[in-house]
Amino acid sequence: QLLSEGIYSPFTWRVRHFQPGDAAETLYFFKPDGSLNGFSSMLPEDEPGTNLTGEAALQLVIQAAAQPPWNIDFDAWKLVEQRKEAKSRRTDHTFTFERAEKLGKSGDAASYRLTLRLSGSQLASV
């Protein structure tokens, strides 16, 4: 069901966007049909940003990921882990969500997880 609904793709290809000598870079992940599957941006440690509380960061990441192109329906997900990392000029937050339905047979079922990251107040990873 996760495959047929396009929620999960076991195969992806990546494109790295970077400038030589610049610590900032972004990896874009694509499904075999060419549609966007995720991304991960890495910012320099000293990149300025905001210092949001955990609750404010959670609301912001849910709002950002519910919008196009991600369109994540958070009714199907439960927050299972939350971390924050203080940088010199911002605070980064990572949130891990889990779907209620499991993958596999009931005895050896696995969970399907989604990790979202904010760098300051910017969505940095889906």
PDB file of N, CA and C in Angstrom:
ATOM      1  N   GLN A   1       0.819  -1.184   0.000  1.00  0.00           N
ATOM      2  CA  GLN A   1       0.000   0.000   0.000  1.00  0.00           C
ATOM      3  C   GLN A   1       0.876   1.266   0.000  1.00  0.00           C
ATOM      4  N   LEU A   2       1.949   1.282   0.768  1.00  0.00           N
ATOM      5  CA  LEU A   2       2.831   2.448   0.798  1.00  0.00           C
ATOM      6  C   LEU A   2       3.472   2.695  -0.560  1.00  0.00           C
ATOM      7  N   LEU A   3       3.768   1.628  -1.278  1.00  0.00           N
ATOM      8  CA  LEU A   3       4.334   1.770  -2.622  1.00  0.00           C
ATOM      9  C   LEU A   3       3.279   2.249  -3.611  1.00  0.00           C
ATOM     10  N   SER A   4       2.119   1.626  -3.577  1.00  0.00           N
ATOM     11  CA  SER A   4       1.081   1.973  -4.559  1.00  0.00           C
ATOM     12  C   SER A   4       0.549   3.390  -4.374  1.00  0.00           C
ATOM     13  N   GLU A   5       0.557   3.901  -3.152  1.00  0.00           N
ATOM     14  CA  GLU A   5       0.086   5.262  -2.896  1.00  0.00           C
ATOM     15  C   GLU A   5       1.189   6.299  -3.085  1.00  0.00           C
ATOM     16  N   GLY A   6       2.415   5.837  -3.373  1.00  0.00           N
ATOM     17  CA  GLY A   6       3.518   6.766  -3.595  1.00  0.00           C
ATOM     18  C   GLY A   6       4.094   7.359  -2.330  1.00  0.00           C
ATOM     19  N   ILE A   7       3.756   6.791  -1.177  1.00  0.00           N
ATOM     20  CA  ILE A   7       4.268   7.304   0.099  1.00  0.00           C
ATOM     21  C   ILE A   7       5.739   6.937   0.262  1.00  0.00           C
ATOM     22  N   TYR A   8       6.112   5.760  -0.235  1.00  0.00           N
ATOM     23  CA  TYR A   8       7.483   5.278  -0.096  1.00  0.00           C
ATOM     24  C   TYR A   8       8.005   4.813  -1.445  1.00  0.00           C
ATOM     25  N   SER A   9       9.262   5.135  -1.718  1.00  0.00           N
ATOM     26  CA  SER A   9       9.922   4.649  -2.924  1.00  0.00           C
ATOM     27  C   SER A   9      11.252   4.005  -2.520  1.00  0.00           C
ATOM     28  N   PRO A  10      11.425   2.705  -2.784  1.00  0.00           N
ATOM     29  CA  PRO A  10      12.667   2.049  -2.372  1.00  0.00           C
ATOM     30  C   PRO A  10      13.870   2.473  -3.219  1.00  0.00           C
ATOM     31  N   PHE A  11      13.614   3.062  -4.367  1.00  0.00           N
ATOM     32  CA  PHE A  11      14.696   3.479  -5.254  1.00  0.00           C
ATOM     33  C   PHE A  11      14.638   4.983  -5.463  1.00  0.00           C
ATOM     34  N   THR A  12      15.774   5.636  -5.354  1.00  0.00           N
ATOM     35  CA  THR A  12      15.850   7.075  -5.583  1.00  0.00           C
ATOM     36  C   THR A  12      17.168   7.400  -6.268  1.00  0.00           C
ATOM     37  N   TRP A  13      17.225   8.576  -6.836  1.00  0.00           N
ATOM     38  CA  TRP A  13      18.491   9.092  -7.318  1.00  0.00           C
ATOM     39  C   TRP A  13      18.667  10.470  -6.722  1.00  0.00           C
ATOM     40  N   ARG A  14      19.931  10.888  -6.584  1.00  0.00           N
ATOM     41  CA  ARG A  14      20.252  12.123  -5.883  1.00  0.00           C
ATOM     42  C   ARG A  14      20.954  13.111  -6.795  1.00  0.00           C
ATOM     43  N   VAL A  15      20.698  14.393  -6.519  1.00  0.00           N
ATOM     44  CA  VAL A  15      21.402  15.482  -7.192  1.00  0.00           C
ATOM     45  C   VAL A  15      21.972  16.366  -6.090  1.00  0.00           C
ATOM     46  N   ARG A  16      23.262  16.625  -6.176  1.00  0.00           N
ATOM     47  CA  ARG A  16      23.931  17.463  -5.177  1.00  0.00           C
ATOM     48  C   ARG A  16      24.103  18.868  -5.744  1.00  0.00           C
ATOM     49  N   HIS A  17      23.590  19.860  -5.021  1.00  0.00           N
ATOM     50  CA  HIS A  17      23.719  21.263  -5.412  1.00  0.00           C
ATOM     51  C   HIS A  17      24.689  21.919  -4.432  1.00  0.00           C
ATOM     52  N   PHE A  18      25.815  22.406  -4.949  1.00  0.00           N
ATOM     53  CA  PHE A  18      26.828  23.013  -4.085  1.00  0.00           C
ATOM     54  C   PHE A  18      27.681  23.975  -4.889  1.00  0.00           C
ATOM     55  N   GLN A  19      28.425  24.799  -4.179  1.00  0.00           N
ATOM     56  CA  GLN A  19      29.415  25.689  -4.787  1.00  0.00           C
ATOM     57  C   GLN A  19      30.760  25.327  -4.171  1.00  0.00           C
ATOM     58  N   PRO A  20      31.781  25.081  -4.952  1.00  0.00           N
ATOM     59  CA  PRO A  20      33.095  24.764  -4.377  1.00  0.00           C
ATOM     60  C   PRO A  20      33.528  25.861  -3.405  1.00  0.00           C
ATOM     61  N   GLY A  21      34.019  25.429  -2.250  1.00  0.00           N
ATOM     62  CA  GLY A  21      34.489  26.361  -1.240  1.00  0.00           C
ATOM     63  C   GLY A  21      33.399  26.873  -0.314  1.00  0.00           C
ATOM     64  N   ASP A  22      32.139  26.527  -0.570  1.00  0.00           N
ATOM     65  CA  ASP A  22      31.029  26.966   0.271  1.00  0.00           C
ATOM     66  C   ASP A  22      30.527  25.754   1.064  1.00  0.00           C
ATOM     67  N   ALA A  23      30.401  25.914   2.384  1.00  0.00           N
ATOM     68  CA  ALA A  23      29.988  24.796   3.237  1.00  0.00           C
ATOM     69  C   ALA A  23      28.508  24.448   3.059  1.00  0.00           C
ATOM     70  N   ALA A  24      27.725  25.368   2.542  1.00  0.00           N
ATOM     71  CA  ALA A  24      26.291  25.096   2.334  1.00  0.00           C
ATOM     72  C   ALA A  24      26.107  24.219   1.095  1.00  0.00           C
ATOM     73  N   GLU A  25      25.258  23.213   1.230  1.00  0.00           N
ATOM     74  CA  GLU A  25      24.920  22.365   0.085  1.00  0.00           C
ATOM     75  C   GLU A  25      23.570  21.714   0.316  1.00  0.00           C
ATOM     76  N   THR A  26      22.944  21.282  -0.766  1.00  0.00           N
ATOM     77  CA  THR A  26      21.656  20.608  -0.684  1.00  0.00           C
ATOM     78  C   THR A  26      21.681  19.367  -1.561  1.00  0.00           C
ATOM     79  N   LEU A  27      21.177  18.273  -1.023  1.00  0.00           N
ATOM     80  CA  LEU A  27      20.957  17.046  -1.783  1.00  0.00           C
ATOM     81  C   LEU A  27      19.466  16.946  -2.070  1.00  0.00           C
ATOM     82  N   TYR A  28      19.112  16.712  -3.329  1.00  0.00           N
ATOM     83  CA  TYR A  28      17.723  16.497  -3.714  1.00  0.00           C
ATOM     84  C   TYR A  28      17.556  15.028  -4.063  1.00  0.00           C
ATOM     85  N   PHE A  29      16.477  14.412  -3.584  1.00  0.00           N
ATOM     86  CA  PHE A  29      16.197  13.002  -3.820  1.00  0.00           C
ATOM     87  C   PHE A  29      14.982  12.897  -4.736  1.00  0.00           C
ATOM     88  N   PHE A  30      15.111  12.089  -5.786  1.00  0.00           N
ATOM     89  CA  PHE A  30      14.045  11.926  -6.766  1.00  0.00           C
ATOM     90  C   PHE A  30      13.639  10.461  -6.873  1.00  0.00           C
ATOM     91  N   LYS A  31      12.347  10.229  -7.135  1.00  0.00           N
ATOM     92  CA  LYS A  31      11.838   8.884  -7.404  1.00  0.00           C
ATOM     93  C   LYS A  31      12.180   8.515  -8.839  1.00  0.00           C
ATOM     94  N   PRO A  32      12.077   7.243  -9.206  1.00  0.00           N
ATOM     95  CA  PRO A  32      12.382   6.839 -10.583  1.00  0.00           C
ATOM     96  C   PRO A  32      11.552   7.557 -11.642  1.00  0.00           C
ATOM     97  N   ASP A  33      10.336   8.017 -11.299  1.00  0.00           N
ATOM     98  CA  ASP A  33       9.522   8.727 -12.277  1.00  0.00           C
ATOM     99  C   ASP A  33       9.917  10.203 -12.409  1.00  0.00           C
ATOM    100  N   GLY A  34      10.926  10.640 -11.641  1.00  0.00           N
ATOM    101  CA  GLY A  34      11.406  12.015 -11.723  1.00  0.00           C
ATOM    102  C   GLY A  34      10.772  12.963 -10.724  1.00  0.00           C
ATOM    103  N   SER A  35       9.804  12.500  -9.958  1.00  0.00           N
ATOM    104  CA  SER A  35       9.169  13.380  -8.967  1.00  0.00           C
ATOM    105  C   SER A  35      10.060  13.521  -7.735  1.00  0.00           C
ATOM    106  N   LEU A  36       9.949  14.649  -7.085  1.00  0.00           N
ATOM    107  CA  LEU A  36      10.755  14.959  -5.914  1.00  0.00           C
ATOM    108  C   LEU A  36      10.347  14.071  -4.751  1.00  0.00           C
ATOM    109  N   ASN A  37      11.325  13.481  -4.059  1.00  0.00           N
ATOM    110  CA  ASN A  37      11.069  12.560  -2.966  1.00  0.00           C
ATOM    111  C   ASN A  37      11.566  13.104  -1.627  1.00  0.00           C
ATOM    112  N   GLY A  38      12.416  14.114  -1.639  1.00  0.00           N
ATOM    113  CA  GLY A  38      12.944  14.677  -0.403  1.00  0.00           C
ATOM    114  C   GLY A  38      14.157  15.523  -0.694  1.00  0.00           C
ATOM    115  N   PHE A  39      14.678  16.134   0.360  1.00  0.00           N
ATOM    116  CA  PHE A  39      15.896  16.917   0.227  1.00  0.00           C
ATOM    117  C   PHE A  39      16.560  17.029   1.586  1.00  0.00           C
ATOM    118  N   SER A  40      17.813  17.400   1.583  1.00  0.00           N
ATOM    119  CA  SER A  40      18.562  17.629   2.812  1.00  0.00           C
ATOM    120  C   SER A  40      19.553  18.753   2.573  1.00  0.00           C
ATOM    121  N   SER A  41      19.362  19.856   3.302  1.00  0.00           N
ATOM    122  CA  SER A  41      20.272  20.999   3.201  1.00  0.00           C
ATOM    123  C   SER A  41      21.207  21.009   4.396  1.00  0.00           C
ATOM    124  N   MET A  42      22.460  21.266   4.127  1.00  0.00           N
ATOM    125  CA  MET A  42      23.463  21.401   5.186  1.00  0.00           C
ATOM    126  C   MET A  42      23.937  22.842   5.175  1.00  0.00           C
ATOM    127  N   LEU A  43      23.821  23.503   6.322  1.00  0.00           N
ATOM    128  CA  LEU A  43      24.255  24.887   6.456  1.00  0.00           C
ATOM    129  C   LEU A  43      25.541  24.939   7.267  1.00  0.00           C
ATOM    130  N   PRO A  44      26.350  25.978   7.064  1.00  0.00           N
ATOM    131  CA  PRO A  44      27.544  26.129   7.907  1.00  0.00           C
ATOM    132  C   PRO A  44      27.148  26.251   9.375  1.00  0.00           C
ATOM    133  N   GLU A  45      28.005  25.775  10.262  1.00  0.00           N
ATOM    134  CA  GLU A  45      27.731  25.824  11.697  1.00  0.00           C
ATOM    135  C   GLU A  45      27.408  27.232  12.175  1.00  0.00           C
ATOM    136  N   ASP A  46      28.061  28.237  11.605  1.00  0.00           N
ATOM    137  CA  ASP A  46      27.879  29.607  12.075  1.00  0.00           C
ATOM    138  C   ASP A  46      26.848  30.392  11.259  1.00  0.00           C
ATOM    139  N   GLU A  47      26.065  29.710  10.428  1.00  0.00           N
ATOM    140  CA  GLU A  47      24.997  30.372   9.657  1.00  0.00           C
ATOM    141  C   GLU A  47      23.966  30.944  10.630  1.00  0.00           C
ATOM    142  N   PRO A  48      23.624  32.219  10.503  1.00  0.00           N
ATOM    143  CA  PRO A  48      22.642  32.781  11.432  1.00  0.00           C
ATOM    144  C   PRO A  48      21.250  32.220  11.195  1.00  0.00           C
ATOM    145  N   GLY A  49      20.450  32.249  12.239  1.00  0.00           N
ATOM    146  CA  GLY A  49      19.077  31.776  12.157  1.00  0.00           C
ATOM    147  C   GLY A  49      18.369  32.092  13.456  1.00  0.00           C
ATOM    148  N   THR A  50      17.216  31.483  13.642  1.00  0.00           N
ATOM    149  CA  THR A  50      16.430  31.755  14.841  1.00  0.00           C
ATOM    150  C   THR A  50      16.655  30.671  15.892  1.00  0.00           C
ATOM    151  N   ASN A  51      16.242  30.985  17.098  1.00  0.00           N
ATOM    152  CA  ASN A  51      16.313  30.047  18.217  1.00  0.00           C
ATOM    153  C   ASN A  51      14.889  29.783  18.700  1.00  0.00           C
ATOM    154  N   LEU A  52      14.190  28.911  17.984  1.00  0.00           N
ATOM    155  CA  LEU A  52      12.798  28.604  18.303  1.00  0.00           C
ATOM    156  C   LEU A  52      12.702  27.630  19.468  1.00  0.00           C
ATOM    157  N   THR A  53      11.591  27.716  20.205  1.00  0.00           N
ATOM    158  CA  THR A  53      11.302  26.702  21.210  1.00  0.00           C
ATOM    159  C   THR A  53      10.927  25.410  20.484  1.00  0.00           C
ATOM    160  N   GLY A  54      10.922  24.298  21.191  1.00  0.00           N
ATOM    161  CA  GLY A  54      10.557  23.027  20.587  1.00  0.00           C
ATOM    162  C   GLY A  54       9.142  23.038  20.042  1.00  0.00           C
ATOM    163  N   GLU A  55       8.204  23.631  20.794  1.00  0.00           N
ATOM    164  CA  GLU A  55       6.800  23.677  20.355  1.00  0.00           C
ATOM    165  C   GLU A  55       6.635  24.554  19.106  1.00  0.00           C
ATOM    166  N   ALA A  56       7.298  25.716  19.099  1.00  0.00           N
ATOM    167  CA  ALA A  56       7.209  26.606  17.928  1.00  0.00           C
ATOM    168  C   ALA A  56       7.832  25.940  16.703  1.00  0.00           C
ATOM    169  N   ALA A  57       8.948  25.241  16.907  1.00  0.00           N
ATOM    170  CA  ALA A  57       9.615  24.546  15.799  1.00  0.00           C
ATOM    171  C   ALA A  57       8.731  23.423  15.254  1.00  0.00           C
ATOM    172  N   LEU A  58       8.068  22.693  16.142  1.00  0.00           N
ATOM    173  CA  LEU A  58       7.177  21.614  15.710  1.00  0.00           C
ATOM    174  C   LEU A  58       6.027  22.165  14.876  1.00  0.00           C
ATOM    175  N   GLN A  59       5.403  23.233  15.317  1.00  0.00           N
ATOM    176  CA  GLN A  59       4.312  23.834  14.555  1.00  0.00           C
ATOM    177  C   GLN A  59       4.789  24.314  13.184  1.00  0.00           C
ATOM    178  N   LEU A  60       5.977  24.921  13.148  1.00  0.00           N
ATOM    179  CA  LEU A  60       6.516  25.424  11.882  1.00  0.00           C
ATOM    180  C   LEU A  60       6.839  24.292  10.916  1.00  0.00           C
ATOM    181  N   VAL A  61       7.449  23.220  11.405  1.00  0.00           N
ATOM    182  CA  VAL A  61       7.820  22.109  10.514  1.00  0.00           C
ATOM    183  C   VAL A  61       6.567  21.402   9.989  1.00  0.00           C
ATOM    184  N   ILE A  62       5.536  21.264  10.808  1.00  0.00           N
ATOM    185  CA  ILE A  62       4.289  20.651  10.349  1.00  0.00           C
ATOM    186  C   ILE A  62       3.633  21.535   9.284  1.00  0.00           C
ATOM    187  N   GLN A  63       3.611  22.829   9.531  1.00  0.00           N
ATOM    188  CA  GLN A  63       3.021  23.760   8.570  1.00  0.00           C
ATOM    189  C   GLN A  63       3.768  23.721   7.237  1.00  0.00           C
ATOM    190  N   ALA A  64       5.107  23.721   7.285  1.00  0.00           N
ATOM    191  CA  ALA A  64       5.909  23.721   6.054  1.00  0.00           C
ATOM    192  C   ALA A  64       5.761  22.410   5.282  1.00  0.00           C
ATOM    193  N   ALA A  65       5.760  21.282   5.976  1.00  0.00           N
ATOM    194  CA  ALA A  65       5.702  19.982   5.300  1.00  0.00           C
ATOM    195  C   ALA A  65       4.301  19.637   4.810  1.00  0.00           C
ATOM    196  N   ALA A  66       3.281  20.304   5.325  1.00  0.00           N
ATOM    197  CA  ALA A  66       1.919  20.060   4.859  1.00  0.00           C
ATOM    198  C   ALA A  66       1.628  20.796   3.549  1.00  0.00           C
ATOM    199  N   GLN A  67       2.525  21.695   3.155  1.00  0.00           N
ATOM    200  CA  GLN A  67       2.356  22.489   1.935  1.00  0.00           C
ATOM    201  C   GLN A  67       2.994  21.777   0.735  1.00  0.00           C
ATOM    202  N   PRO A  68       2.627  22.170  -0.480  1.00  0.00           N
ATOM    203  CA  PRO A  68       3.292  21.624  -1.669  1.00  0.00           C
ATOM    204  C   PRO A  68       4.782  21.964  -1.638  1.00  0.00           C
ATOM    205  N   PRO A  69       5.653  21.135  -2.133  1.00  0.00           N
ATOM    206  CA  PRO A  69       5.357  19.901  -2.864  1.00  0.00           C
ATOM    207  C   PRO A  69       5.185  18.683  -1.971  1.00  0.00           C
ATOM    208  N   TRP A  70       5.323  18.822  -0.649  1.00  0.00           N
ATOM    209  CA  TRP A  70       5.324  17.653   0.241  1.00  0.00           C
ATOM    210  C   TRP A  70       3.917  17.150   0.541  1.00  0.00           C
ATOM    211  N   ASN A  71       2.992  18.040   0.860  1.00  0.00           N
ATOM    212  CA  ASN A  71       1.591  17.677   1.109  1.00  0.00           C
ATOM    213  C   ASN A  71       1.439  16.526   2.099  1.00  0.00           C
ATOM    214  N   ILE A  72       2.199  16.560   3.174  1.00  0.00           N
ATOM    215  CA  ILE A  72       2.147  15.482   4.163  1.00  0.00           C
ATOM    216  C   ILE A  72       0.880  15.633   5.003  1.00  0.00           C
ATOM    217  N   ASP A  73       0.117  14.542   5.102  1.00  0.00           N
ATOM    218  CA  ASP A  73      -1.095  14.516   5.915  1.00  0.00           C
ATOM    219  C   ASP A  73      -0.700  14.038   7.310  1.00  0.00           C
ATOM    220  N   PHE A  74      -0.578  14.956   8.241  1.00  0.00           N
ATOM    221  CA  PHE A  74      -0.103  14.611   9.578  1.00  0.00           C
ATOM    222  C   PHE A  74      -1.129  13.870  10.414  1.00  0.00           C
ATOM    223  N   ASP A  75      -2.356  13.695   9.916  1.00  0.00           N
ATOM    224  CA  ASP A  75      -3.330  12.853  10.621  1.00  0.00           C
ATOM    225  C   ASP A  75      -2.866  11.400  10.633  1.00  0.00           C
ATOM    226  N   ALA A  76      -2.055  11.017   9.652  1.00  0.00           N
ATOM    227  CA  ALA A  76      -1.579   9.635   9.548  1.00  0.00           C
ATOM    228  C   ALA A  76      -0.264   9.409  10.301  1.00  0.00           C
ATOM    229  N   TRP A  77       0.280  10.448  10.926  1.00  0.00           N
ATOM    230  CA  TRP A  77       1.592  10.354  11.563  1.00  0.00           C
ATOM    231  C   TRP A  77       1.516  10.744  13.038  1.00  0.00           C
ATOM    232  N   LYS A  78       2.382  10.113  13.835  1.00  0.00           N
ATOM    233  CA  LYS A  78       2.482  10.418  15.261  1.00  0.00           C
ATOM    234  C   LYS A  78       3.935  10.809  15.560  1.00  0.00           C
ATOM    235  N   LEU A  79       4.133  11.888  16.301  1.00  0.00           N
ATOM    236  CA  LEU A  79       5.480  12.304  16.696  1.00  0.00           C
ATOM    237  C   LEU A  79       6.039  11.298  17.694  1.00  0.00           C
ATOM    238  N   VAL A  80       7.229  10.729  17.388  1.00  0.00           N
ATOM    239  CA  VAL A  80       7.831   9.737  18.283  1.00  0.00           C
ATOM    240  C   VAL A  80       9.191  10.172  18.832  1.00  0.00           C
ATOM    241  N   GLU A  81       9.797  11.178  18.209  1.00  0.00           N
ATOM    242  CA  GLU A  81      11.105  11.633  18.689  1.00  0.00           C
ATOM    243  C   GLU A  81      11.307  13.092  18.305  1.00  0.00           C
ATOM    244  N   GLN A  82      11.925  13.828  19.218  1.00  0.00           N
ATOM    245  CA  GLN A  82      12.195  15.246  18.993  1.00  0.00           C
ATOM    246  C   GLN A  82      13.567  15.560  19.578  1.00  0.00           C
ATOM    247  N   ARG A  83      14.419  16.224  18.781  1.00  0.00           N
ATOM    248  CA  ARG A  83      15.762  16.599  19.248  1.00  0.00           C
ATOM    249  C   ARG A  83      16.028  18.041  18.880  1.00  0.00           C
ATOM    250  N   LYS A  84      16.859  18.699  19.662  1.00  0.00           N
ATOM    251  CA  LYS A  84      17.311  20.034  19.291  1.00  0.00           C
ATOM    252  C   LYS A  84      18.814  20.096  19.467  1.00  0.00           C
ATOM    253  N   GLU A  85      19.426  20.896  18.615  1.00  0.00           N
ATOM    254  CA  GLU A  85      20.880  21.054  18.637  1.00  0.00           C
ATOM    255  C   GLU A  85      21.188  22.546  18.555  1.00  0.00           C
ATOM    256  N   ALA A  86      21.808  23.053  19.614  1.00  0.00           N
ATOM    257  CA  ALA A  86      22.164  24.474  19.654  1.00  0.00           C
ATOM    258  C   ALA A  86      23.437  24.702  18.847  1.00  0.00           C
ATOM    259  N   LYS A  87      23.342  25.566  17.870  1.00  0.00           N
ATOM    260  CA  LYS A  87      24.499  25.989  17.077  1.00  0.00           C
ATOM    261  C   LYS A  87      24.940  27.345  17.631  1.00  0.00           C
ATOM    262  N   SER A  88      26.029  27.877  17.095  1.00  0.00           N
ATOM    263  CA  SER A  88      26.522  29.141  17.625  1.00  0.00           C
ATOM    264  C   SER A  88      25.557  30.307  17.389  1.00  0.00           C
ATOM    265  N   ARG A  89      24.783  30.271  16.283  1.00  0.00           N
ATOM    266  CA  ARG A  89      23.915  31.403  15.959  1.00  0.00           C
ATOM    267  C   ARG A  89      22.478  31.004  15.625  1.00  0.00           C
ATOM    268  N   ARG A  90      22.109  29.757  15.932  1.00  0.00           N
ATOM    269  CA  ARG A  90      20.744  29.295  15.691  1.00  0.00           C
ATOM    270  C   ARG A  90      20.543  27.982  16.447  1.00  0.00           C
ATOM    271  N   THR A  91      19.302  27.523  16.488  1.00  0.00           N
ATOM    272  CA  THR A  91      18.987  26.214  17.055  1.00  0.00           C
ATOM    273  C   THR A  91      18.325  25.379  15.973  1.00  0.00           C
ATOM    274  N   ASP A  92      18.850  24.166  15.756  1.00  0.00           N
ATOM    275  CA  ASP A  92      18.279  23.234  14.784  1.00  0.00           C
ATOM    276  C   ASP A  92      17.409  22.221  15.527  1.00  0.00           C
ATOM    277  N   HIS A  93      16.317  21.819  14.900  1.00  0.00           N
ATOM    278  CA  HIS A  93      15.376  20.858  15.494  1.00  0.00           C
ATOM    279  C   HIS A  93      15.153  19.713  14.512  1.00  0.00           C
ATOM    280  N   THR A  94      15.090  18.497  15.033  1.00  0.00           N
ATOM    281  CA  THR A  94      14.796  17.306  14.226  1.00  0.00           C
ATOM    282  C   THR A  94      13.596  16.602  14.838  1.00  0.00           C
ATOM    283  N   PHE A  95      12.627  16.264  14.001  1.00  0.00           N
ATOM    284  CA  PHE A  95      11.405  15.601  14.444  1.00  0.00           C
ATOM    285  C   PHE A  95      11.230  14.310  13.657  1.00  0.00           C
ATOM    286  N   THR A  96      10.951  13.228  14.358  1.00  0.00           N
ATOM    287  CA  THR A  96      10.694  11.944  13.713  1.00  0.00           C
ATOM    288  C   THR A  96       9.249  11.539  13.996  1.00  0.00           C
ATOM    289  N   PHE A  97       8.547  11.220  12.914  1.00  0.00           N
ATOM    290  CA  PHE A  97       7.149  10.808  12.986  1.00  0.00           C
ATOM    291  C   PHE A  97       7.056   9.352  12.545  1.00  0.00           C
ATOM    292  N   GLU A  98       6.005   8.666  13.005  1.00  0.00           N
ATOM    293  CA  GLU A  98       5.791   7.266  12.646  1.00  0.00           C
ATOM    294  C   GLU A  98       4.348   7.084  12.210  1.00  0.00           C
ATOM    295  N   ARG A  99       4.159   6.296  11.150  1.00  0.00           N
ATOM    296  CA  ARG A  99       2.798   5.981  10.684  1.00  0.00           C
ATOM    297  C   ARG A  99       2.188   4.912  11.577  1.00  0.00           C
ATOM    298  N   ALA A 100       0.874   4.973  11.714  1.00  0.00           N
ATOM    299  CA  ALA A 100       0.168   4.005  12.556  1.00  0.00           C
ATOM    300  C   ALA A 100       0.256   2.594  11.970  1.00  0.00           C
ATOM    301  N   GLU A 101       0.085   2.475  10.641  1.00  0.00           N
ATOM    302  CA  GLU A 101       0.134   1.141  10.046  1.00  0.00           C
ATOM    303  C   GLU A 101       1.589   0.658   9.967  1.00  0.00           C
ATOM    304  N   LYS A 102       1.752  -0.622  10.072  1.00  0.00           N
ATOM    305  CA  LYS A 102       3.075  -1.242  10.062  1.00  0.00           C
ATOM    306  C   LYS A 102       3.335  -1.905   8.715  1.00  0.00           C
ATOM    307  N   LEU A 103       4.606  -2.110   8.427  1.00  0.00           N
ATOM    308  CA  LEU A 103       5.027  -2.810   7.219  1.00  0.00           C
ATOM    309  C   LEU A 103       5.303  -4.260   7.571  1.00  0.00           C
ATOM    310  N   GLY A 104       4.788  -5.192   6.786  1.00  0.00           N
ATOM    311  CA  GLY A 104       5.064  -6.604   7.013  1.00  0.00           C
ATOM    312  C   GLY A 104       3.957  -7.284   7.796  1.00  0.00           C
ATOM    313  N   LYS A 105       4.242  -8.525   8.166  1.00  0.00           N
ATOM    314  CA  LYS A 105       3.273  -9.311   8.913  1.00  0.00           C
ATOM    315  C   LYS A 105       3.296  -8.890  10.370  1.00  0.00           C
ATOM    316  N   SER A 106       2.206  -9.141  11.064  1.00  0.00           N
ATOM    317  CA  SER A 106       2.042  -8.632  12.421  1.00  0.00           C
ATOM    318  C   SER A 106       3.154  -9.077  13.374  1.00  0.00           C
ATOM    319  N   GLY A 107       3.680 -10.276  13.208  1.00  0.00           N
ATOM    320  CA  GLY A 107       4.723 -10.758  14.111  1.00  0.00           C
ATOM    321  C   GLY A 107       6.057 -10.057  13.940  1.00  0.00           C
ATOM    322  N   ASP A 108       6.374  -9.650  12.713  1.00  0.00           N
ATOM    323  CA  ASP A 108       7.668  -9.011  12.463  1.00  0.00           C
ATOM    324  C   ASP A 108       7.488  -7.678  11.737  1.00  0.00           C
ATOM    325  N   ALA A 109       6.421  -6.985  12.068  1.00  0.00           N
ATOM    326  CA  ALA A 109       6.096  -5.731  11.391  1.00  0.00           C
ATOM    327  C   ALA A 109       7.128  -4.650  11.714  1.00  0.00           C
ATOM    328  N   ALA A 110       7.402  -3.825  10.730  1.00  0.00           N
ATOM    329  CA  ALA A 110       8.332  -2.706  10.887  1.00  0.00           C
ATOM    330  C   ALA A 110       7.538  -1.399  10.799  1.00  0.00           C
ATOM    331  N   SER A 111       8.121  -0.365  11.366  1.00  0.00           N
ATOM    332  CA  SER A 111       7.484   0.949  11.339  1.00  0.00           C
ATOM    333  C   SER A 111       7.990   1.753  10.153  1.00  0.00           C
ATOM    334  N   TYR A 112       7.110   2.621   9.645  1.00  0.00           N
ATOM    335  CA  TYR A 112       7.510   3.550   8.594  1.00  0.00           C
ATOM    336  C   TYR A 112       7.662   4.914   9.240  1.00  0.00           C
ATOM    337  N   ARG A 113       8.859   5.513   9.118  1.00  0.00           N
ATOM    338  CA  ARG A 113       9.163   6.772   9.788  1.00  0.00           C
ATOM    339  C   ARG A 113       9.490   7.875   8.796  1.00  0.00           C
ATOM    340  N   LEU A 114       9.229   9.080   9.227  1.00  0.00           N
ATOM    341  CA  LEU A 114       9.496  10.289   8.463  1.00  0.00           C
ATOM    342  C   LEU A 114      10.270  11.231   9.371  1.00  0.00           C
ATOM    343  N   THR A 115      11.417  11.714   8.901  1.00  0.00           N
ATOM    344  CA  THR A 115      12.220  12.655   9.679  1.00  0.00           C
ATOM    345  C   THR A 115      12.245  13.998   8.969  1.00  0.00           C
ATOM    346  N   LEU A 116      11.930  15.037   9.723  1.00  0.00           N
ATOM    347  CA  LEU A 116      11.933  16.410   9.228  1.00  0.00           C
ATOM    348  C   LEU A 116      12.895  17.222  10.092  1.00  0.00           C
ATOM    349  N   ARG A 117      13.650  18.126   9.447  1.00  0.00           N
ATOM    350  CA  ARG A 117      14.625  18.929  10.191  1.00  0.00           C
ATOM    351  C   ARG A 117      14.454  20.402   9.856  1.00  0.00           C
ATOM    352  N   LEU A 118      14.542  21.226  10.894  1.00  0.00           N
ATOM    353  CA  LEU A 118      14.577  22.681  10.746  1.00  0.00           C
ATOM    354  C   LEU A 118      15.958  23.171  11.116  1.00  0.00           C
ATOM    355  N   SER A 119      16.503  24.058  10.306  1.00  0.00           N
ATOM    356  CA  SER A 119      17.724  24.785  10.643  1.00  0.00           C
ATOM    357  C   SER A 119      17.292  26.209  10.941  1.00  0.00           C
ATOM    358  N   GLY A 120      17.286  26.558  12.220  1.00  0.00           N
ATOM    359  CA  GLY A 120      16.700  27.826  12.620  1.00  0.00           C
ATOM    360  C   GLY A 120      15.206  27.748  12.376  1.00  0.00           C
ATOM    361  N   SER A 121      14.699  28.559  11.451  1.00  0.00           N
ATOM    362  CA  SER A 121      13.274  28.509  11.097  1.00  0.00           C
ATOM    363  C   SER A 121      13.070  28.040   9.662  1.00  0.00           C
ATOM    364  N   GLN A 122      14.094  27.441   9.075  1.00  0.00           N
ATOM    365  CA  GLN A 122      14.045  27.004   7.676  1.00  0.00           C
ATOM    366  C   GLN A 122      13.945  25.495   7.585  1.00  0.00           C
ATOM    367  N   LEU A 123      12.964  24.994   6.807  1.00  0.00           N
ATOM    368  CA  LEU A 123      12.869  23.559   6.580  1.00  0.00           C
ATOM    369  C   LEU A 123      14.127  23.104   5.868  1.00  0.00           C
ATOM    370  N   ALA A 124      14.860  22.191   6.478  1.00  0.00           N
ATOM    371  CA  ALA A 124      16.166  21.808   5.957  1.00  0.00           C
ATOM    372  C   ALA A 124      16.239  20.355   5.492  1.00  0.00           C
ATOM    373  N   SER A 125      15.227  19.553   5.827  1.00  0.00           N
ATOM    374  CA  SER A 125      15.285  18.154   5.407  1.00  0.00           C
ATOM    375  C   SER A 125      13.902  17.518   5.484  1.00  0.00           C
ATOM    376  N   VAL A 126      13.571  16.771   4.423  1.00  0.00           N
ATOM    377  CA  VAL A 126      12.350  15.967   4.375  1.00  0.00           C
ATOM    378  C   VAL A 126      12.764  14.593   3.907  1.00  0.00           C
TER     379      VAL A 126
END
